């Protein structure tokens, strides 16, 4: 009877575990309290404490930095940049944290527009001992035709500012000693598309970031980094290939290792008609001009959903992250009901292909229609992934529009999906200093664009498994990329056989800046310090472990077994002592009668 009850309890716990692994939990109040409004614009470790903070724009005129804390609310507004600093009628359109002067402290770049002006003005606020110097900020002396791309153009591991100043000429701005130095960027002119989705990402798997440009046509240009110099490839890729329906609206390009082969793939959401009632997501292998549909069915029962066309400041875009840690990137996107009943955020899960159209890729997207926690947030505007609890499991942030309020409402959803899967979390720092940083600062808040990470390991079936990702490859138009990469390993608890990290090279440098680490423990965070840059063998890495739920359950089971054994030993000891006492009384009684 006792065994039967135990089996029922085990079944209930197992069933409950399965149910909780496919649910989201609203933790907005725990994170923000009553401060959950504004537009989430960027992420970065402003306080250099290995905790990722949030940069939130309010009323398009004020920036508030929410610092991560260990007490509820877990994110508290601490640092503000108010509208009094800017010229009149200036609105903030974007935020890009980074170390722009090379002092290993986080600075904050703001892209702004004066109302009724199409040009973008850039402001930079310098970091100073975990705060911002409000008296010494810099406004660049040139404006851009669109929001610039923050990248490491010259390979010195200090972010630079790239964009079109006077069309069609591109320029790059270096901020050596906090003084703008402008230089012509590319060898030929580029008619940049607005809004662009330019990227600084490794396109040919040589662990050196290349340059991807979206141009009018619409077309895509690839500028490959050869010995630290960007060389334009002749095979320009059209956004409307002849074998596919012409797209009426092209969204933002994204780069992820969609099929887990170690190469970055080009993922593109499009609207197939002017009203955007028919939508699709295409994927192209880099080096190929073939567009493969990985999602074209947006019908749920009798209702058809579609993409929201977006605006120049918030264009149609997908936000990627491996929510279930299976090694394949998933996506969050906002869809609208074509019948006019509203719009909401949906999770697009990366699953094996089940139709002929995506057979050449082997993977496709599946829409989670019945995710009630996301469906409860009406009038969603934007959704992205974020590791709220710094445990390697990507949670979700959803922004929605509320009637009568000028700012967006922020919703935070804790991810309980596949909580026992394994991962590796990698953050690559600038490597401008190691343990001897100026003013004894900690170099965690540098938000370094350009590093490339790839792992190889063996799955439980003995097959080779790998995945790759670029760090902070895009910065414009609310790309909302995290300052680290989270690579899922699935349910395999094996050590990572190889983990490779590469960084950009300087002009004329022929040797690839890449280092390999072996036997990396799963569920660990690796902070890589590439110091010095041109000596990969001297690079160092700090490893931080994040125990999974299985480890916790194992510990609980072990403690339970120990307690059970102690109880059994106690009972046996008590019974033995009781028998000894009984034997002593009998012996004493027998001695008494013998004495008589």
Protein backbone atom coordinates (compact mmCIF):
# COMPACT_ATOMS: atom_id res chain seq x y z
CA UNK A 1 0.00 0.00 0.00
CA UNK A 2 2.83 2.44 0.88
CA UNK A 3 4.61 1.63 -2.41
CA UNK A 4 1.37 2.27 -4.32
CA UNK A 5 0.98 5.72 -2.75
CA UNK A 6 4.63 6.50 -3.50
CA UNK A 7 4.10 5.61 -7.18
CA UNK A 8 1.09 7.93 -7.37
CA UNK A 9 3.12 10.76 -5.82
CA UNK A 10 6.00 10.17 -8.25
CA UNK A 11 3.57 10.23 -11.18
CA UNK A 12 2.00 13.50 -10.01
CA UNK A 13 5.41 15.09 -9.57
CA UNK A 14 6.47 13.88 -13.02
CA UNK A 15 3.27 15.14 -14.65
CA UNK A 16 3.56 18.45 -12.84
CA UNK A 17 7.16 18.76 -13.99
CA UNK A 18 6.12 18.20 -17.59
CA UNK A 19 3.36 20.77 -17.31
CA UNK A 20 5.58 23.43 -15.73
CA UNK A 21 8.27 22.89 -18.36
CA UNK A 22 5.87 24.25 -20.99
CA UNK A 23 4.65 27.37 -19.22
CA UNK A 24 5.54 31.00 -18.76
CA UNK A 25 5.21 32.93 -15.54
CA UNK A 26 4.48 36.64 -15.39
CA UNK A 27 7.15 38.23 -13.13
CA UNK A 28 6.66 41.86 -14.16
CA UNK A 29 5.92 43.07 -10.63
CA UNK A 30 9.01 41.32 -9.25
CA UNK A 31 11.23 42.95 -11.86
CA UNK A 32 9.95 46.51 -12.11
CA UNK A 33 7.35 47.12 -9.44
CA UNK A 34 5.33 50.09 -10.69
CA UNK A 35 8.09 51.22 -13.09
CA UNK A 36 7.19 48.87 -15.97
CA UNK A 37 6.71 51.47 -18.69
CA UNK A 38 8.85 52.80 -21.51
CA UNK A 39 10.59 51.27 -24.53
CA UNK A 40 13.32 48.71 -23.84
CA UNK A 41 16.11 49.89 -26.14
CA UNK A 42 19.29 47.98 -25.21
CA UNK A 43 21.05 45.73 -22.69
CA UNK A 44 24.46 45.95 -21.04
CA UNK A 45 26.37 45.54 -17.79
CA UNK A 46 26.52 49.23 -16.86
CA UNK A 47 27.53 48.56 -13.25
CA UNK A 48 30.26 46.05 -14.23
CA UNK A 49 28.96 43.47 -11.72
CA UNK A 50 28.31 40.65 -14.25
CA UNK A 51 24.58 41.44 -14.09
CA UNK A 52 22.91 42.71 -17.27
CA UNK A 53 21.08 46.02 -16.93
CA UNK A 54 18.34 47.54 -19.11
CA UNK A 55 18.30 50.81 -21.03
CA UNK A 56 14.75 52.15 -21.34
CA UNK A 57 13.54 55.18 -23.33
CA UNK A 58 10.60 57.10 -21.90
CA UNK A 59 8.40 59.48 -23.86
CA UNK A 60 11.12 59.48 -26.57
CA UNK A 61 12.94 62.22 -24.65
CA UNK A 62 14.49 60.53 -21.59
CA UNK A 63 16.79 57.55 -21.03
CA UNK A 64 16.53 55.59 -17.79
CA UNK A 65 19.07 52.88 -16.91
CA UNK A 66 17.56 50.10 -14.80
CA UNK A 67 20.29 48.43 -12.75
CA UNK A 68 19.99 44.75 -11.81
CA UNK A 69 19.62 44.12 -8.08
CA UNK A 70 19.32 41.06 -5.86
CA UNK A 71 16.21 42.35 -4.08
CA UNK A 72 12.67 42.93 -5.34
CA UNK A 73 12.18 44.83 -7.59
CA UNK A 74 15.13 43.24 -9.36
CA UNK A 75 15.59 46.20 -11.74
CA UNK A 76 15.70 49.67 -10.25
CA UNK A 77 15.91 52.99 -12.15
CA UNK A 78 19.18 54.65 -11.14
CA UNK A 79 20.70 56.73 -13.97
CA UNK A 80 18.77 59.23 -16.09
CA UNK A 81 19.56 61.28 -19.18
CA UNK A 82 16.83 63.92 -19.42
CA UNK A 83 15.56 65.97 -22.34
CA UNK A 84 17.07 69.17 -20.90
CA UNK A 85 20.44 68.15 -22.33
CA UNK A 86 19.31 67.93 -25.96
CA UNK A 87 18.29 70.65 -28.41
CA UNK A 88 14.62 71.53 -28.51
CA UNK A 89 12.21 69.03 -30.17
CA UNK A 90 14.79 66.22 -30.06
CA UNK A 91 13.55 62.64 -29.74
CA UNK A 92 15.65 59.59 -28.83
CA UNK A 93 15.48 56.86 -31.47
CA UNK A 94 18.06 54.34 -30.22
CA UNK A 95 20.59 53.39 -27.55
CA UNK A 96 23.91 51.57 -28.06
CA UNK A 97 26.00 51.00 -24.89
CA UNK A 98 29.72 50.38 -25.40
CA UNK A 99 33.26 51.41 -24.53
CA UNK A 100 33.88 54.07 -27.19
CA UNK A 101 37.04 55.65 -25.70
CA UNK A 102 38.85 52.44 -24.69
CA UNK A 103 38.96 53.00 -20.92
CA UNK A 104 37.11 49.70 -20.22
CA UNK A 105 34.13 51.56 -18.80
CA UNK A 106 30.69 51.60 -20.39
CA UNK A 107 29.70 54.70 -22.32
CA UNK A 108 26.23 55.30 -23.77
CA UNK A 109 25.57 56.30 -27.38
CA UNK A 110 22.19 57.79 -28.23
CA UNK A 111 20.80 58.22 -31.73
CA UNK A 112 18.39 61.14 -31.96
CA UNK A 113 16.31 63.03 -34.48
CA UNK A 114 15.01 66.56 -34.40
CA UNK A 115 11.32 66.52 -35.28
CA UNK A 116 10.61 66.94 -39.01
CA UNK A 117 14.25 66.09 -39.81
CA UNK A 118 15.33 62.85 -41.50
CA UNK A 119 18.96 63.03 -40.36
CA UNK A 120 20.25 61.21 -37.28
CA UNK A 121 22.37 63.02 -34.69
CA UNK A 122 24.59 61.01 -32.33
CA UNK A 123 25.30 61.88 -28.69
CA UNK A 124 27.81 60.01 -26.53
CA UNK A 125 27.85 60.14 -22.73
CA UNK A 126 31.11 58.98 -21.19
CA UNK A 127 31.19 56.44 -18.37
CA UNK A 128 32.94 57.36 -15.16
CA UNK A 129 33.10 54.86 -12.26
CA UNK A 130 29.69 53.22 -12.86
CA UNK A 131 27.96 56.50 -13.64
CA UNK A 132 27.74 58.94 -16.55
CA UNK A 133 29.57 62.24 -16.85
CA UNK A 134 26.69 64.61 -17.61
CA UNK A 135 28.99 67.57 -18.09
CA UNK A 136 31.36 66.09 -20.65
CA UNK A 137 29.10 64.48 -23.25
CA UNK A 138 29.90 64.66 -26.97
CA UNK A 139 27.69 65.43 -29.98
CA UNK A 140 29.22 64.22 -33.25
CA UNK A 141 29.91 67.00 -35.71
CA UNK A 142 28.36 65.06 -38.61
CA UNK A 143 24.91 63.53 -38.99
CA UNK A 144 23.84 60.23 -40.56
CA UNK A 145 21.14 59.48 -43.13
CA UNK A 146 19.93 56.64 -40.87
CA UNK A 147 20.86 55.13 -37.54
CA UNK A 148 24.53 54.07 -37.72
CA UNK A 149 25.96 50.59 -37.24
CA UNK A 150 28.26 50.28 -34.24
CA UNK A 151 31.12 47.97 -35.23
CA UNK A 152 34.86 47.49 -34.79
CA UNK A 153 35.94 48.77 -38.20
CA UNK A 154 39.72 48.85 -37.63
CA UNK A 155 40.05 45.80 -35.36
CA UNK A 156 41.34 47.63 -32.26
CA UNK A 157 38.49 46.25 -30.09
CA UNK A 158 37.08 49.75 -29.58
CA UNK A 159 33.61 50.26 -31.13
CA UNK A 160 33.43 52.61 -34.10
CA UNK A 161 30.44 54.32 -35.73
CA UNK A 162 29.69 53.42 -39.36
CA UNK A 163 27.05 54.87 -41.65
CA UNK A 164 26.09 57.12 -44.54
CA UNK A 165 26.76 60.80 -43.90
CA UNK A 166 26.23 62.25 -47.38
CA UNK A 167 24.59 59.69 -49.67
CA UNK A 168 25.97 57.53 -51.19
CA UNK A 169 29.27 57.88 -49.31
CA UNK A 170 29.93 55.84 -46.17
CA UNK A 171 32.13 57.06 -43.35
CA UNK A 172 33.40 55.61 -40.11
CA UNK A 173 33.96 57.68 -36.98
CA UNK A 174 36.73 56.74 -34.52
CA UNK A 175 36.63 58.26 -31.04
CA UNK A 176 40.30 58.15 -30.09
CA UNK A 177 40.80 60.19 -26.91
CA UNK A 178 37.13 61.18 -27.12
CA UNK A 179 37.74 63.24 -30.26
CA UNK A 180 35.82 62.31 -33.45
CA UNK A 181 38.06 61.29 -36.34
CA UNK A 182 36.25 60.67 -39.63
CA UNK A 183 37.47 58.45 -42.42
CA UNK A 184 36.02 57.20 -45.67
CA UNK A 185 34.86 53.68 -44.94
CA UNK A 186 34.40 51.69 -48.16
CA UNK A 187 36.14 51.75 -51.52
CA UNK A 188 32.90 52.28 -53.45
CA UNK A 189 29.66 54.15 -52.79
CA UNK A 190 26.60 52.40 -51.38
CA UNK A 191 22.95 53.36 -51.83
CA UNK A 192 21.83 52.28 -48.37
CA UNK A 193 18.24 51.23 -47.82
CA UNK A 194 16.36 53.06 -45.05
CA UNK A 195 15.69 51.55 -42.60
CA UNK A 196 18.74 49.34 -43.03
CA UNK A 197 19.61 46.09 -41.27
CA UNK A 198 23.37 46.21 -41.71
CA UNK A 199 25.36 43.68 -39.70
CA UNK A 200 28.92 43.07 -38.48
CA UNK A 201 29.09 39.28 -38.55
CA UNK A 202 31.34 36.45 -39.74
CA UNK A 203 29.95 35.43 -43.13
CA UNK A 204 32.52 32.83 -44.21
CA UNK A 205 33.38 30.99 -40.97
CA UNK A 206 36.92 32.31 -40.63
CA UNK A 207 36.14 33.73 -37.16
CA UNK A 208 36.62 37.31 -38.40
CA UNK A 209 33.59 39.59 -38.60
CA UNK A 210 32.59 40.75 -42.09
CA UNK A 211 30.22 43.52 -43.18
CA UNK A 212 26.71 42.92 -44.49
CA UNK A 213 24.83 45.84 -46.08
CA UNK A 214 21.20 46.26 -47.16
CA UNK A 215 21.00 48.48 -50.23
CA UNK A 216 18.34 49.87 -52.54
CA UNK A 217 17.14 47.55 -55.24
CA UNK A 218 16.51 45.87 -52.87
CA UNK A 219 19.77 43.95 -52.68
CA UNK A 220 22.27 42.69 -50.14
CA UNK A 221 26.00 43.31 -50.35
CA UNK A 222 28.70 41.26 -48.66
CA UNK A 223 31.99 42.93 -47.75
CA UNK A 224 34.38 40.20 -46.61
CA UNK A 225 37.23 41.00 -44.24
CA UNK A 226 40.49 39.97 -45.89
CA UNK A 227 43.56 40.63 -43.77
CA UNK A 228 41.59 43.27 -41.88
CA UNK A 229 40.30 45.11 -44.99
CA UNK A 230 36.73 44.93 -46.27
CA UNK A 231 36.51 43.71 -49.88
CA UNK A 232 33.18 43.77 -51.72
CA UNK A 233 31.99 40.45 -53.12
CA UNK A 234 30.69 40.54 -56.68
CA UNK A 235 27.83 38.10 -56.11
CA UNK A 236 25.25 40.60 -54.82
CA UNK A 237 22.21 38.79 -53.50
CA UNK A 238 18.78 40.07 -54.63
CA UNK A 239 16.03 40.26 -52.02
CA UNK A 240 13.47 39.21 -54.66
CA UNK A 241 14.85 36.12 -56.45
CA UNK A 242 13.04 35.20 -59.67
CA UNK A 243 11.78 31.85 -58.34
CA UNK A 244 9.91 33.40 -55.39
CA UNK A 245 6.95 35.81 -55.18
CA UNK A 246 8.11 39.44 -55.11
CA UNK A 247 7.98 40.87 -51.62
CA UNK A 248 5.98 44.05 -51.20
CA UNK A 249 7.73 44.82 -47.91
CA UNK A 250 11.07 43.46 -46.78
CA UNK A 251 11.80 43.26 -43.06
CA UNK A 252 15.05 43.34 -41.17
CA UNK A 253 17.70 40.76 -42.02
CA UNK A 254 18.95 38.58 -39.16
CA UNK A 255 21.90 36.22 -38.93
CA UNK A 256 21.72 33.01 -36.89
CA UNK A 257 22.97 29.45 -37.20
CA UNK A 258 19.49 28.28 -38.17
CA UNK A 259 20.27 24.65 -38.94
CA UNK A 260 23.20 24.05 -36.56
CA UNK A 261 25.98 23.56 -39.11
CA UNK A 262 28.33 26.18 -37.66
CA UNK A 263 27.65 28.74 -40.42
CA UNK A 264 25.55 31.87 -40.05
CA UNK A 265 22.34 31.84 -42.11
CA UNK A 266 20.42 34.83 -43.49
CA UNK A 267 16.82 34.95 -42.21
CA UNK A 268 14.38 37.45 -43.75
CA UNK A 269 10.71 38.17 -42.88
CA UNK A 270 8.64 39.62 -45.74
CA UNK A 271 5.13 40.75 -46.59
CA UNK A 272 3.95 39.37 -49.94
CA UNK A 273 1.33 42.05 -50.64
CA UNK A 274 0.93 45.77 -50.01
CA UNK A 275 -1.59 45.26 -47.20
CA UNK A 276 0.70 42.68 -45.57
CA UNK A 277 -2.07 40.12 -45.36
CA UNK A 278 0.23 37.37 -46.66
CA UNK A 279 3.52 36.86 -44.87
CA UNK A 280 6.50 34.54 -45.07
CA UNK A 281 9.95 33.97 -43.60
CA UNK A 282 12.77 33.00 -45.95
CA UNK A 283 16.22 31.68 -45.19
CA UNK A 284 19.31 31.63 -47.37
CA UNK A 285 22.59 29.87 -46.80
CA UNK A 286 25.43 32.35 -47.07
CA UNK A 287 27.11 32.00 -50.43
CA UNK A 288 23.85 30.80 -51.99
CA UNK A 289 21.23 32.86 -53.84
CA UNK A 290 18.44 30.37 -53.12
CA UNK A 291 15.71 31.56 -50.77
CA UNK A 292 14.04 28.73 -48.87
CA UNK A 293 10.69 29.34 -47.09
CA UNK A 294 10.92 28.27 -43.45
CA UNK A 295 7.46 29.63 -42.51
CA UNK A 296 4.61 30.42 -44.91
CA UNK A 297 1.52 29.08 -43.12
CA UNK A 298 0.09 31.76 -40.84
CA UNK A 299 -3.42 30.33 -40.63
CA UNK A 300 -4.90 29.27 -37.32
CA UNK A 301 -8.20 27.46 -37.79
CA UNK A 302 -10.28 29.94 -39.82
CA UNK A 303 -8.17 32.99 -38.98
CA UNK A 304 -5.17 34.28 -40.93
CA UNK A 305 -2.46 36.17 -39.11
CA UNK A 306 0.30 38.27 -40.65
CA UNK A 307 3.27 40.47 -39.83
CA UNK A 308 2.85 44.02 -38.62
CA UNK A 309 4.47 46.21 -41.33
CA UNK A 310 6.20 48.38 -38.75
CA UNK A 311 7.57 51.90 -39.00
CA UNK A 312 10.96 53.35 -40.03
CA UNK A 313 11.92 53.60 -36.34
CA UNK A 314 10.56 50.14 -35.45
CA UNK A 315 10.61 48.08 -38.67
CA UNK A 316 9.44 44.51 -39.13
CA UNK A 317 11.98 42.32 -37.36
CA UNK A 318 12.47 38.95 -35.69
CA UNK A 319 14.25 38.66 -32.34
CA UNK A 320 16.16 35.42 -31.88
CA UNK A 321 17.10 33.25 -28.92
CA UNK A 322 17.25 29.54 -28.07
CA UNK A 323 14.33 29.38 -25.63
CA UNK A 324 14.41 25.59 -25.19
CA UNK A 325 18.23 25.21 -25.33
CA UNK A 326 18.10 22.55 -28.03
CA UNK A 327 20.89 24.20 -30.04
CA UNK A 328 18.61 25.75 -32.69
CA UNK A 329 17.61 29.44 -32.48
CA UNK A 330 13.92 30.26 -32.05
CA UNK A 331 12.28 33.64 -32.59
CA UNK A 332 9.75 36.04 -31.14
CA UNK A 333 7.57 38.13 -33.43
CA UNK A 334 4.44 40.24 -33.26
CA UNK A 335 1.58 39.16 -35.54
CA UNK A 336 -1.75 40.82 -36.22
CA UNK A 337 -5.10 39.24 -36.90
CA UNK A 338 -6.08 40.11 -40.47
CA UNK A 339 -9.74 40.22 -39.36
CA UNK A 340 -8.83 43.26 -37.26
CA UNK A 341 -9.19 41.80 -33.76
CA UNK A 342 -5.77 42.84 -32.50
CA UNK A 343 -2.15 41.81 -32.43
CA UNK A 344 0.03 39.82 -30.04
CA UNK A 345 3.47 38.26 -29.66
CA UNK A 346 4.09 34.67 -30.75
CA UNK A 347 6.91 32.22 -30.24
CA UNK A 348 8.33 30.67 -33.40
CA UNK A 349 9.98 27.37 -32.51
CA UNK A 350 12.78 26.01 -34.69
CA UNK A 351 11.69 22.43 -35.48
CA UNK A 352 12.64 19.74 -38.04
CA UNK A 353 11.20 20.36 -41.50
CA UNK A 354 7.97 18.49 -42.27
CA UNK A 355 7.30 19.60 -45.86
CA UNK A 356 9.01 19.63 -49.25
CA UNK A 357 9.61 23.39 -49.46
CA UNK A 358 12.17 23.46 -46.61
CA UNK A 359 13.69 20.03 -47.28
CA UNK A 360 17.02 21.48 -48.43
CA UNK A 361 17.45 23.24 -45.06
CA UNK A 362 16.04 20.52 -42.81
CA UNK A 363 14.53 22.99 -40.33
CA UNK A 364 11.51 25.29 -40.21
CA UNK A 365 9.55 27.52 -37.84
CA UNK A 366 6.44 26.35 -35.99
CA UNK A 367 4.12 28.96 -34.46
CA UNK A 368 3.03 28.31 -30.87
CA UNK A 369 -0.58 29.39 -31.29
CA UNK A 370 -1.81 28.23 -27.87
CA UNK A 371 0.72 30.01 -25.65
CA UNK A 372 -1.81 31.60 -23.30
CA UNK A 373 0.71 33.69 -21.36
CA UNK A 374 1.80 35.53 -24.51
CA UNK A 375 -1.78 35.67 -25.79
CA UNK A 376 -2.91 37.44 -22.62
CA UNK A 377 -0.82 40.49 -23.58
CA UNK A 378 -2.95 42.42 -26.03
CA UNK A 379 -1.76 45.11 -28.47
CA UNK A 380 1.82 43.87 -28.36
CA UNK A 381 4.33 46.06 -30.18
CA UNK A 382 7.64 44.25 -29.71
CA UNK A 383 8.97 41.08 -28.05
CA UNK A 384 12.50 39.90 -27.33
CA UNK A 385 14.51 37.41 -25.28
CA UNK A 386 16.39 38.32 -22.09
CA UNK A 387 18.08 36.25 -19.37
CA UNK A 388 16.32 37.79 -16.38
CA UNK A 389 17.84 35.64 -13.65
CA UNK A 390 21.30 35.17 -15.21
CA UNK A 391 20.79 31.40 -15.20
CA UNK A 392 21.36 30.78 -18.91
CA UNK A 393 17.65 30.28 -19.64
CA UNK A 394 16.26 32.97 -21.92
CA UNK A 395 13.10 34.62 -20.66
CA UNK A 396 10.88 37.05 -22.57
CA UNK A 397 10.11 40.77 -22.53
CA UNK A 398 6.99 41.97 -24.34
CA UNK A 399 6.11 45.62 -24.95
CA UNK A 400 2.46 46.54 -25.45
CA UNK A 401 0.45 49.66 -26.10
CA UNK A 402 -2.14 50.77 -23.55
CA UNK A 403 -4.92 53.22 -24.32
CA UNK A 404 -4.44 56.67 -22.90
CA UNK A 405 -0.72 56.18 -22.20
CA UNK A 406 2.12 57.62 -24.26
CA UNK A 407 4.67 55.02 -23.16
CA UNK A 408 4.64 51.31 -23.81
CA UNK A 409 3.96 48.82 -21.04
CA UNK A 410 6.73 46.31 -20.26
CA UNK A 411 5.78 42.70 -19.46
CA UNK A 412 8.34 40.19 -18.18
CA UNK A 413 7.71 36.46 -18.58
CA UNK A 414 9.89 33.89 -16.86
CA UNK A 415 10.72 30.94 -19.09
CA UNK A 416 10.06 27.51 -17.58
CA UNK A 417 10.50 25.71 -20.90
CA UNK A 418 12.97 22.81 -20.85
CA UNK A 419 14.48 23.92 -17.57
CA UNK A 420 16.73 20.85 -17.40
CA UNK A 421 18.43 21.38 -20.77
CA UNK A 422 22.07 22.40 -20.86
CA UNK A 423 23.81 25.45 -22.30
CA UNK A 424 27.01 27.43 -22.49
CA UNK A 425 26.94 31.20 -22.09
CA UNK A 426 29.85 33.15 -23.56
CA UNK A 427 30.73 36.82 -23.18
CA UNK A 428 33.78 38.21 -24.98
CA UNK A 429 35.26 41.40 -23.52
CA UNK A 430 37.38 43.99 -25.30
CA UNK A 431 40.69 42.67 -23.98
CA UNK A 432 42.09 46.20 -23.72
CA UNK A 433 43.17 45.24 -20.23
CA UNK A 434 43.14 42.13 -18.10
CA UNK A 435 43.69 42.47 -14.35
CA UNK A 436 45.36 45.87 -14.54
CA UNK A 437 42.59 48.08 -15.92
CA UNK A 438 42.85 51.87 -15.42
CA UNK A 439 41.45 53.10 -12.10
CA UNK A 440 40.97 49.43 -11.07
CA UNK A 441 37.73 49.20 -13.04
CA UNK A 442 36.16 45.86 -13.91
CA UNK A 443 35.98 45.40 -17.70
CA UNK A 444 32.61 43.64 -17.81
CA UNK A 445 30.55 46.54 -19.17
CA UNK A 446 32.10 47.00 -22.60
CA UNK A 447 29.42 45.48 -24.93
CA UNK A 448 31.92 44.38 -27.57
CA UNK A 449 30.64 44.01 -31.17
CA UNK A 450 32.22 41.51 -33.55
CA UNK A 451 33.39 38.41 -31.61
CA UNK A 452 32.34 35.05 -33.03
CA UNK A 453 31.70 31.89 -30.97
CA UNK A 454 31.30 28.26 -32.07
CA UNK A 455 31.25 24.94 -30.23
CA UNK A 456 31.46 21.31 -31.28
CA UNK A 457 30.40 18.39 -29.13
CA UNK A 458 28.85 14.93 -29.37
CA UNK A 459 25.14 14.31 -28.76
CA UNK A 460 23.81 11.28 -26.81
CA UNK A 461 23.54 9.32 -30.09
CA UNK A 462 27.20 9.84 -30.88
CA UNK A 463 26.66 12.36 -33.68
CA UNK A 464 28.65 15.57 -34.02
CA UNK A 465 26.72 18.61 -32.86
CA UNK A 466 27.75 22.24 -33.26
CA UNK A 467 26.35 25.75 -33.18
CA UNK A 468 27.68 29.26 -33.67
CA UNK A 469 26.72 32.86 -32.96
CA UNK A 470 28.04 36.37 -33.37
CA UNK A 471 28.13 38.83 -30.49
CA UNK A 472 26.30 42.16 -30.98
CA UNK A 473 26.26 41.96 -34.77
CA UNK A 474 23.54 44.61 -35.17
CA UNK A 475 22.82 47.80 -33.25
CA UNK A 476 20.26 49.93 -35.11
CA UNK A 477 16.45 50.05 -35.03
CA UNK A 478 15.96 48.24 -31.71
CA UNK A 479 17.89 45.13 -32.64
CA UNK A 480 17.84 44.33 -28.87
CA UNK A 481 20.75 41.93 -29.03
CA UNK A 482 22.26 40.70 -25.78
CA UNK A 483 25.91 41.44 -24.87
CA UNK A 484 26.59 37.69 -24.67
CA UNK A 485 25.67 34.53 -26.55
CA UNK A 486 23.69 31.62 -25.11
CA UNK A 487 24.23 28.38 -27.05
CA UNK A 488 21.94 25.48 -26.22
CA UNK A 489 23.31 21.95 -25.84
CA UNK A 490 20.03 20.04 -25.58
CA UNK A 491 19.68 17.37 -22.91
CA UNK A 492 23.22 16.13 -23.40
CA UNK A 493 25.33 16.70 -20.30
CA UNK A 494 28.57 15.91 -22.13
CA UNK A 495 31.53 18.23 -21.92
CA UNK A 496 31.97 20.54 -24.91
CA UNK A 497 34.73 19.01 -26.99
CA UNK A 498 35.80 22.33 -28.49
CA UNK A 499 34.81 25.96 -28.00
CA UNK A 500 36.25 28.48 -30.46
CA UNK A 501 36.30 32.27 -30.02
CA UNK A 502 37.45 34.70 -32.71
CA UNK A 503 37.73 38.51 -32.81
CA UNK A 504 38.21 41.08 -35.63
CA UNK A 505 41.65 41.75 -37.09
CA UNK A 506 43.48 44.98 -37.81
CA UNK A 507 44.35 46.10 -41.33
CA UNK A 508 47.23 44.09 -42.80
CA UNK A 509 47.08 41.36 -40.13
CA UNK A 510 47.08 37.98 -41.83
CA UNK A 511 46.90 35.70 -38.79
CA UNK A 512 43.39 34.87 -37.58
CA UNK A 513 42.71 35.92 -34.00
CA UNK A 514 41.16 32.73 -32.68
CA UNK A 515 41.55 30.52 -29.64
CA UNK A 516 40.20 27.08 -28.77
CA UNK A 517 39.17 25.82 -25.34
CA UNK A 518 38.47 22.13 -24.70
CA UNK A 519 36.38 20.16 -22.20
CA UNK A 520 34.10 23.05 -21.19
CA UNK A 521 31.64 22.13 -18.45
CA UNK A 522 27.94 22.42 -19.48
CA UNK A 523 25.76 25.03 -17.76
CA UNK A 524 28.69 27.38 -17.41
CA UNK A 525 29.29 31.01 -18.25
CA UNK A 526 32.59 31.74 -19.92
CA UNK A 527 33.94 35.30 -19.84
CA UNK A 528 36.73 35.57 -22.41
CA UNK A 529 39.41 38.27 -22.10
CA UNK A 530 41.36 38.40 -25.40
CA UNK A 531 44.46 40.10 -24.00
CA UNK A 532 46.67 40.81 -25.82
CA UNK A 533 44.67 40.82 -29.05
CA UNK A 534 47.36 39.45 -31.37
CA UNK A 535 48.44 36.62 -29.05
CA UNK A 536 45.48 34.19 -28.78
CA UNK A 537 47.53 31.69 -26.77
CA UNK A 538 47.67 34.28 -23.97
CA UNK A 539 43.92 34.88 -23.86
CA UNK A 540 42.25 33.99 -20.58
CA UNK A 541 38.77 32.84 -19.66
CA UNK A 542 36.85 32.95 -16.39
CA UNK A 543 34.40 30.10 -15.85
CA UNK A 544 31.25 30.46 -13.74
CA UNK A 545 28.98 27.49 -13.15
CA UNK A 546 25.17 27.59 -13.12
CA UNK A 547 23.74 24.40 -11.56
CA UNK A 548 20.72 23.03 -13.39
CA UNK A 549 17.50 21.76 -11.83
CA UNK A 550 18.71 18.20 -12.27
CA UNK A 551 21.67 18.94 -10.00
CA UNK A 552 19.32 20.42 -7.40
CA UNK A 553 16.97 17.45 -7.62
CA UNK A 554 19.93 15.07 -7.31
CA UNK A 555 21.08 16.90 -4.17
CA UNK A 556 17.57 16.76 -2.71
CA UNK A 557 17.30 13.05 -3.49
CA UNK A 558 20.72 12.39 -1.93
CA UNK A 559 19.79 14.31 1.21
CA UNK A 560 16.47 12.46 1.32
CA UNK A 561 18.20 9.09 1.06
CA UNK A 562 20.65 10.06 3.80
CA UNK A 563 17.81 11.16 6.09
CA UNK A 564 15.93 7.93 5.35
CA UNK A 565 19.01 5.83 6.17
CA UNK A 566 19.53 7.80 9.39
CA UNK A 567 15.91 7.19 10.37
CA UNK A 568 16.31 3.44 9.72
CA UNK A 569 19.56 3.40 11.71
CA UNK A 570 17.84 5.29 14.54
CA UNK A 571 14.92 2.87 14.60
CA UNK A 572 17.20 -0.17 14.61
CA UNK A 573 19.35 1.41 17.31
CA UNK A 574 16.27 2.14 19.41
CA UNK A 575 15.00 -1.42 18.96
CA UNK A 576 18.42 -2.85 19.89
CA UNK A 577 18.57 -0.65 22.99
CA UNK A 578 15.08 -1.72 23.96
CA UNK A 579 16.04 -5.40 23.59
CA UNK A 580 19.17 -4.83 25.71
CA UNK A 581 17.11 -3.23 28.46
CA UNK A 582 14.68 -6.12 28.42
CA UNK A 583 17.54 -8.63 28.61
CA UNK A 584 19.11 -6.75 31.55
CA UNK A 585 15.82 -6.78 33.48
CA UNK A 586 15.46 -10.50 32.86
CA UNK A 587 19.04 -11.08 34.01
CA UNK A 588 18.48 -9.01 37.14
CA UNK A 589 15.28 -10.91 37.92
CA UNK A 590 16.98 -14.28 37.51
CA UNK A 591 19.84 -13.22 39.83
CA UNK A 592 17.36 -12.20 42.51
CA UNK A 593 15.69 -15.63 42.61
CA UNK A 594 19.01 -17.43 42.62
CA UNK A 595 20.10 -15.41 45.62
CA UNK A 596 17.07 -16.60 47.58
